[in-house]
N, C-alpha and C. Protein backbone atom coordinates (compact mmCIF):
# COMPACT_ATOMS: atom_id res chain seq x y z
N UNK A 1 3.35 -14.33 21.64
CA UNK A 1 3.62 -13.78 23.10
C UNK A 1 3.97 -15.47 23.75
N UNK A 2 4.61 -15.20 24.72
CA UNK A 2 4.93 -16.72 25.62
C UNK A 2 4.52 -15.69 26.42
N UNK A 3 3.54 -17.11 27.81
CA UNK A 3 3.30 -16.83 28.42
C UNK A 3 3.83 -18.26 29.90
N UNK A 4 4.97 -17.45 30.56
CA UNK A 4 5.26 -18.67 31.49
C UNK A 4 4.50 -18.38 33.08
N UNK A 5 4.14 -19.19 33.37
CA UNK A 5 3.28 -19.63 35.30
C UNK A 5 4.68 -20.22 36.07
N UNK A 6 4.29 -19.35 37.00
CA UNK A 6 5.02 -20.10 38.36
C UNK A 6 4.22 -19.80 39.70
N UNK A 7 3.63 -20.90 39.99
CA UNK A 7 2.65 -20.65 41.17
C UNK A 7 3.38 -21.61 43.05
N UNK A 8 3.06 -20.32 43.70
CA UNK A 8 3.68 -20.79 44.90
C UNK A 8 2.75 -20.79 45.77
N UNK A 9 2.31 -21.68 46.78
CA UNK A 9 0.78 -22.09 47.16
C UNK A 9 -0.15 -20.83 46.51
N UNK A 10 -0.44 -19.94 46.95
CA UNK A 10 -1.51 -19.33 47.01
C UNK A 10 -1.19 -17.71 46.17
N UNK A 11 -0.07 -17.73 45.37
CA UNK A 11 0.16 -16.65 44.92
C UNK A 11 0.57 -17.20 43.22
N UNK A 12 0.82 -16.35 42.58
CA UNK A 12 1.21 -16.97 40.76
C UNK A 12 1.62 -15.76 40.76
N UNK A 13 2.89 -16.11 39.52
CA UNK A 13 3.72 -15.39 38.29
C UNK A 13 3.13 -15.44 36.97
N UNK A 14 2.66 -14.02 37.29
CA UNK A 14 3.20 -14.59 34.72
C UNK A 14 3.80 -13.75 34.25
N UNK A 15 4.45 -14.61 33.58
CA UNK A 15 6.05 -13.81 33.35
C UNK A 15 4.95 -13.84 31.88
N UNK A 16 4.92 -12.41 30.63
CA UNK A 16 4.24 -12.26 30.08
C UNK A 16 5.73 -11.49 28.82
N UNK A 17 5.93 -12.54 27.57
CA UNK A 17 7.36 -11.98 26.94
C UNK A 17 6.26 -12.08 25.28
N UNK A 18 6.70 -10.69 24.29
CA UNK A 18 5.99 -11.04 23.38
C UNK A 18 5.25 -8.95 23.15
N UNK A 19 4.30 -9.51 22.62
CA UNK A 19 3.08 -8.13 22.57
C UNK A 19 1.70 -9.36 23.15
N UNK A 20 1.57 -8.33 23.68
CA UNK A 20 -0.17 -8.20 24.16
C UNK A 20 -1.40 -7.89 23.50
N UNK A 21 -1.76 -8.59 22.34
CA UNK A 21 -2.58 -7.68 21.31
C UNK A 21 -3.92 -8.34 20.79
N UNK A 22 -4.44 -8.12 19.90
CA UNK A 22 -6.12 -8.83 19.36
C UNK A 22 -5.58 -10.34 19.48
N UNK A 23 -4.77 -10.95 18.79
CA UNK A 23 -4.21 -11.65 18.97
C UNK A 23 -3.75 -12.64 19.57
N UNK A 24 -3.28 -12.23 20.55
CA UNK A 24 -2.84 -12.56 21.81
C UNK A 24 -3.48 -12.82 22.72
N UNK A 25 -4.25 -11.75 23.22
CA UNK A 25 -4.74 -11.74 24.28
C UNK A 25 -6.28 -12.76 24.46
N UNK A 26 -6.80 -13.60 23.44
CA UNK A 26 -7.21 -14.60 23.99
C UNK A 26 -6.93 -15.28 24.82
N UNK A 27 -6.19 -15.66 24.39
CA UNK A 27 -4.90 -17.11 24.98
C UNK A 27 -4.59 -16.30 26.56
N UNK A 28 -4.06 -15.27 26.73
CA UNK A 28 -3.66 -14.69 28.53
C UNK A 28 -4.95 -15.03 29.16
N UNK A 29 -6.05 -14.61 28.38
CA UNK A 29 -7.41 -14.05 29.36
C UNK A 29 -7.74 -15.49 29.61
N UNK A 30 -7.73 -16.80 28.80
CA UNK A 30 -8.20 -18.15 29.16
C UNK A 30 -7.26 -18.44 30.14
N UNK A 31 -5.63 -18.51 29.99
CA UNK A 31 -4.56 -19.10 31.39
C UNK A 31 -5.54 -18.37 32.18
N UNK A 32 -5.51 -17.42 32.45
CA UNK A 32 -5.65 -16.12 33.83
C UNK A 32 -7.09 -17.14 34.49
N UNK A 33 -7.75 -17.64 33.78
CA UNK A 33 -9.00 -17.76 33.70
C UNK A 33 -9.22 -19.05 35.20
N UNK A 34 -8.55 -20.07 34.14
CA UNK A 34 -8.17 -21.71 34.22
C UNK A 34 -6.94 -21.45 35.69
N UNK A 35 -6.55 -20.40 35.90
CA UNK A 35 -5.26 -20.36 36.82
C UNK A 35 -5.62 -19.25 38.14
N UNK A 36 -6.80 -18.49 38.31
CA UNK A 36 -6.61 -17.79 39.18
C UNK A 36 -7.05 -17.90 40.32
N UNK A 37 -8.16 -19.16 40.37
CA UNK A 37 -9.37 -19.76 41.09
C UNK A 37 -8.39 -19.95 42.95
N UNK A 38 -8.42 -19.65 43.29
CA UNK A 38 -8.10 -19.67 44.51
C UNK A 38 -6.72 -18.75 44.89
N UNK A 39 -5.95 -18.19 43.55
CA UNK A 39 -4.81 -17.43 44.01
C UNK A 39 -5.07 -15.79 44.85
N UNK A 40 -4.22 -15.96 45.90
CA UNK A 40 -4.10 -13.97 46.82
C UNK A 40 -3.55 -13.57 45.96
N UNK A 41 -2.65 -13.72 45.39
CA UNK A 41 -1.26 -12.84 44.99
C UNK A 41 -1.02 -13.20 43.35
N UNK A 42 -1.54 -12.16 42.46
CA UNK A 42 -1.07 -12.69 41.34
C UNK A 42 0.14 -11.17 40.64
N UNK A 43 0.65 -11.94 40.65
CA UNK A 43 1.93 -10.58 39.57
C UNK A 43 2.23 -11.25 38.04
N UNK A 44 2.10 -9.84 37.80
CA UNK A 44 2.20 -10.21 36.05
C UNK A 44 3.47 -9.44 36.21
N UNK A 45 4.55 -10.39 35.36
CA UNK A 45 6.41 -9.60 35.19
C UNK A 45 6.05 -9.48 33.60
N UNK A 46 6.10 -8.05 33.52
CA UNK A 46 6.12 -7.54 32.20
C UNK A 46 7.33 -6.96 31.51
N UNK A 47 8.39 -8.02 31.74
CA UNK A 47 10.17 -7.47 31.77
C UNK A 47 10.13 -6.89 30.14
N UNK A 48 9.45 -8.47 29.93
CA UNK A 48 9.96 -8.97 28.46
C UNK A 48 8.59 -8.61 27.85
N UNK A 49 8.16 -7.98 28.05
CA UNK A 49 6.58 -7.34 27.25
C UNK A 49 6.86 -6.20 26.13
N UNK A 50 6.81 -6.54 25.10
CA UNK A 50 7.00 -4.99 24.14
C UNK A 50 5.31 -4.10 23.97
N UNK A 51 4.13 -4.92 23.71
CA UNK A 51 2.98 -3.80 23.24
C UNK A 51 1.94 -4.35 24.29
N UNK A 52 1.06 -3.41 24.75
CA UNK A 52 -0.24 -3.89 25.11
C UNK A 52 -0.90 -3.00 24.52
N UNK A 53 -1.76 -3.41 23.78
CA UNK A 53 -3.09 -2.87 22.85
C UNK A 53 -4.28 -2.83 23.65
N UNK A 54 -5.19 -2.27 23.74
CA UNK A 54 -6.83 -1.93 24.36
C UNK A 54 -7.15 -3.05 24.27
N UNK A 55 -7.06 -4.53 23.76
CA UNK A 55 -7.46 -5.95 23.89
C UNK A 55 -6.87 -7.08 25.48
N UNK A 56 -6.03 -6.12 24.90
CA UNK A 56 -4.63 -6.22 26.65
C UNK A 56 -5.28 -5.98 27.79
N UNK A 57 -5.66 -4.07 27.34
CA UNK A 57 -5.90 -3.70 28.91
C UNK A 57 -7.21 -4.10 29.34
N UNK A 58 -7.99 -4.68 28.21
CA UNK A 58 -9.54 -5.19 28.79
C UNK A 58 -8.93 -6.27 29.69
N UNK A 59 -8.14 -6.85 29.10
CA UNK A 59 -8.15 -8.41 30.14
C UNK A 59 -7.69 -8.09 31.36
N UNK A 60 -6.44 -6.79 31.60
CA UNK A 60 -5.71 -6.14 32.72
C UNK A 60 -7.49 -6.08 33.84
N UNK A 61 -7.93 -5.30 32.88
CA UNK A 61 -8.76 -4.59 34.24
C UNK A 61 -10.13 -5.81 34.67
N UNK A 62 -10.49 -6.70 33.67
CA UNK A 62 -11.44 -7.87 34.07
C UNK A 62 -10.76 -8.57 35.38
N UNK A 63 -8.87 -8.74 34.71
CA UNK A 63 -8.48 -9.81 35.76
C UNK A 63 -8.62 -8.71 37.40
N UNK A 64 -8.43 -7.32 37.52
CA UNK A 64 -8.20 -6.66 37.78
C UNK A 64 -9.63 -6.55 39.14
N UNK A 65 -10.13 -6.61 38.70
CA UNK A 65 -11.77 -6.74 39.66
C UNK A 65 -12.56 -8.25 40.56
N UNK A 66 -11.69 -9.04 39.35
CA UNK A 66 -11.81 -10.83 40.20
C UNK A 66 -10.98 -10.18 41.39
N UNK A 67 -9.38 -10.12 41.01
CA UNK A 67 -8.36 -9.77 42.12
C UNK A 67 -8.79 -8.93 42.92
N UNK A 68 -9.74 -7.82 42.96
CA UNK A 68 -9.89 -6.92 43.93
C UNK A 68 -10.97 -7.85 45.19
N UNK A 69 -11.22 -8.59 44.63
CA UNK A 69 -12.20 -9.59 45.72
C UNK A 69 -11.88 -10.77 46.41
N UNK A 70 -10.11 -11.31 46.19
CA UNK A 70 -9.97 -12.18 46.16
C UNK A 70 -8.40 -12.34 46.81
N UNK A 71 -7.58 -11.30 46.65
CA UNK A 71 -6.46 -10.56 46.72
C UNK A 71 -5.80 -8.96 45.63
N UNK A 72 -4.55 -9.49 45.50
CA UNK A 72 -4.03 -8.28 44.47
C UNK A 72 -3.48 -8.85 43.86
N UNK A 73 -3.27 -7.63 42.98
CA UNK A 73 -2.38 -7.84 41.32
C UNK A 73 -1.97 -6.64 41.18
N UNK A 74 -0.72 -7.40 40.89
CA UNK A 74 0.67 -6.52 40.95
C UNK A 74 1.52 -6.48 39.13
N UNK A 75 1.50 -5.70 39.14
CA UNK A 75 2.27 -5.68 37.37
C UNK A 75 3.59 -4.73 37.68
N UNK A 76 4.77 -5.79 37.35
CA UNK A 76 5.59 -5.24 37.54
C UNK A 76 7.29 -4.97 36.33
N UNK A 77 7.98 -4.54 36.81
CA UNK A 77 9.52 -5.12 35.16
C UNK A 77 8.24 -4.07 34.08
N UNK A 78 7.24 -2.64 34.15
CA UNK A 78 6.68 -2.26 33.18
C UNK A 78 7.82 -1.16 32.63
N UNK A 79 8.47 -1.43 30.87
CA UNK A 79 8.92 -0.39 30.43
C UNK A 79 8.21 0.28 30.46
N UNK A 80 9.20 1.48 28.90
CA UNK A 80 8.35 2.83 28.99
C UNK A 80 7.65 2.75 28.15
N UNK A 81 7.34 2.17 26.71
CA UNK A 81 6.23 2.37 26.00
C UNK A 81 4.89 1.49 26.63
N UNK A 82 5.13 0.27 27.48
CA UNK A 82 3.90 0.22 28.09
C UNK A 82 3.45 0.87 28.78
N UNK A 83 4.66 2.15 29.61
CA UNK A 83 3.61 2.71 31.06
C UNK A 83 3.58 3.81 29.98
N UNK A 84 4.23 4.35 29.04
CA UNK A 84 3.47 5.54 28.08
C UNK A 84 1.88 5.28 28.32
N UNK A 85 1.76 3.91 27.58
CA UNK A 85 0.11 3.25 27.27
C UNK A 85 -0.35 3.84 29.12
N UNK A 86 0.07 2.56 29.31
CA UNK A 86 -0.62 3.12 31.16
C UNK A 86 -1.38 4.84 31.39
N UNK A 87 -0.17 5.29 31.10
CA UNK A 87 -0.38 6.92 31.54
C UNK A 87 -1.33 7.51 30.66
N UNK A 88 -1.57 7.58 29.15
CA UNK A 88 -2.40 7.90 28.56
C UNK A 88 -3.85 6.86 28.74
N UNK A 89 -4.07 6.38 28.67
CA UNK A 89 -5.24 5.26 29.22
C UNK A 89 -6.00 5.64 30.51
N UNK A 90 -5.09 6.06 31.67
CA UNK A 90 -5.13 5.92 32.69
C UNK A 90 -5.28 5.00 34.00
N UNK A 91 -5.17 3.72 33.40
CA UNK A 91 -4.51 2.82 33.89
C UNK A 91 -3.16 2.49 35.08
N UNK A 92 -2.98 3.43 34.69
CA UNK A 92 -1.67 4.13 35.77
C UNK A 92 -2.12 4.28 37.05
N UNK A 93 -3.16 4.73 37.34
CA UNK A 93 -3.78 5.40 38.22
C UNK A 93 -4.83 3.68 38.34
N UNK A 94 -5.64 2.95 37.75
CA UNK A 94 -6.60 2.08 38.50
C UNK A 94 -5.25 0.85 39.27
N UNK A 95 -4.22 0.30 38.16
CA UNK A 95 -3.87 -0.72 38.19
C UNK A 95 -2.62 -0.64 39.63
N UNK A 96 -1.92 -1.42 39.98
CA UNK A 96 -0.58 -1.09 40.79
C UNK A 96 0.25 -1.76 40.14
N UNK A 97 0.98 -0.86 40.24
CA UNK A 97 2.59 -0.84 39.12
C UNK A 97 3.77 -1.01 40.06
N UNK A 98 4.87 -1.65 40.05
CA UNK A 98 5.87 -1.78 41.08
C UNK A 98 6.97 -1.26 40.15
């Protein structure tokens, strides 16, 4: 998985490419933990994300809890396969997806 970060003041955008699974989730978690301090708006761009596993969902949930306290989190450009996973797991009701 490739993670590209774009920071603009208190906004941070992470563009994810590839698969967010058991092997790549720890790297995303580490990147998020070291980057979201002081961030008020977090955008996760999933335009090039092919797949998300339960390990990836866990990271999204924990990040959402942090961002609820300090600002907002938005997920953009979700493809049909990943959206199906969000719908089936109920994450579509928890996360802000544009």
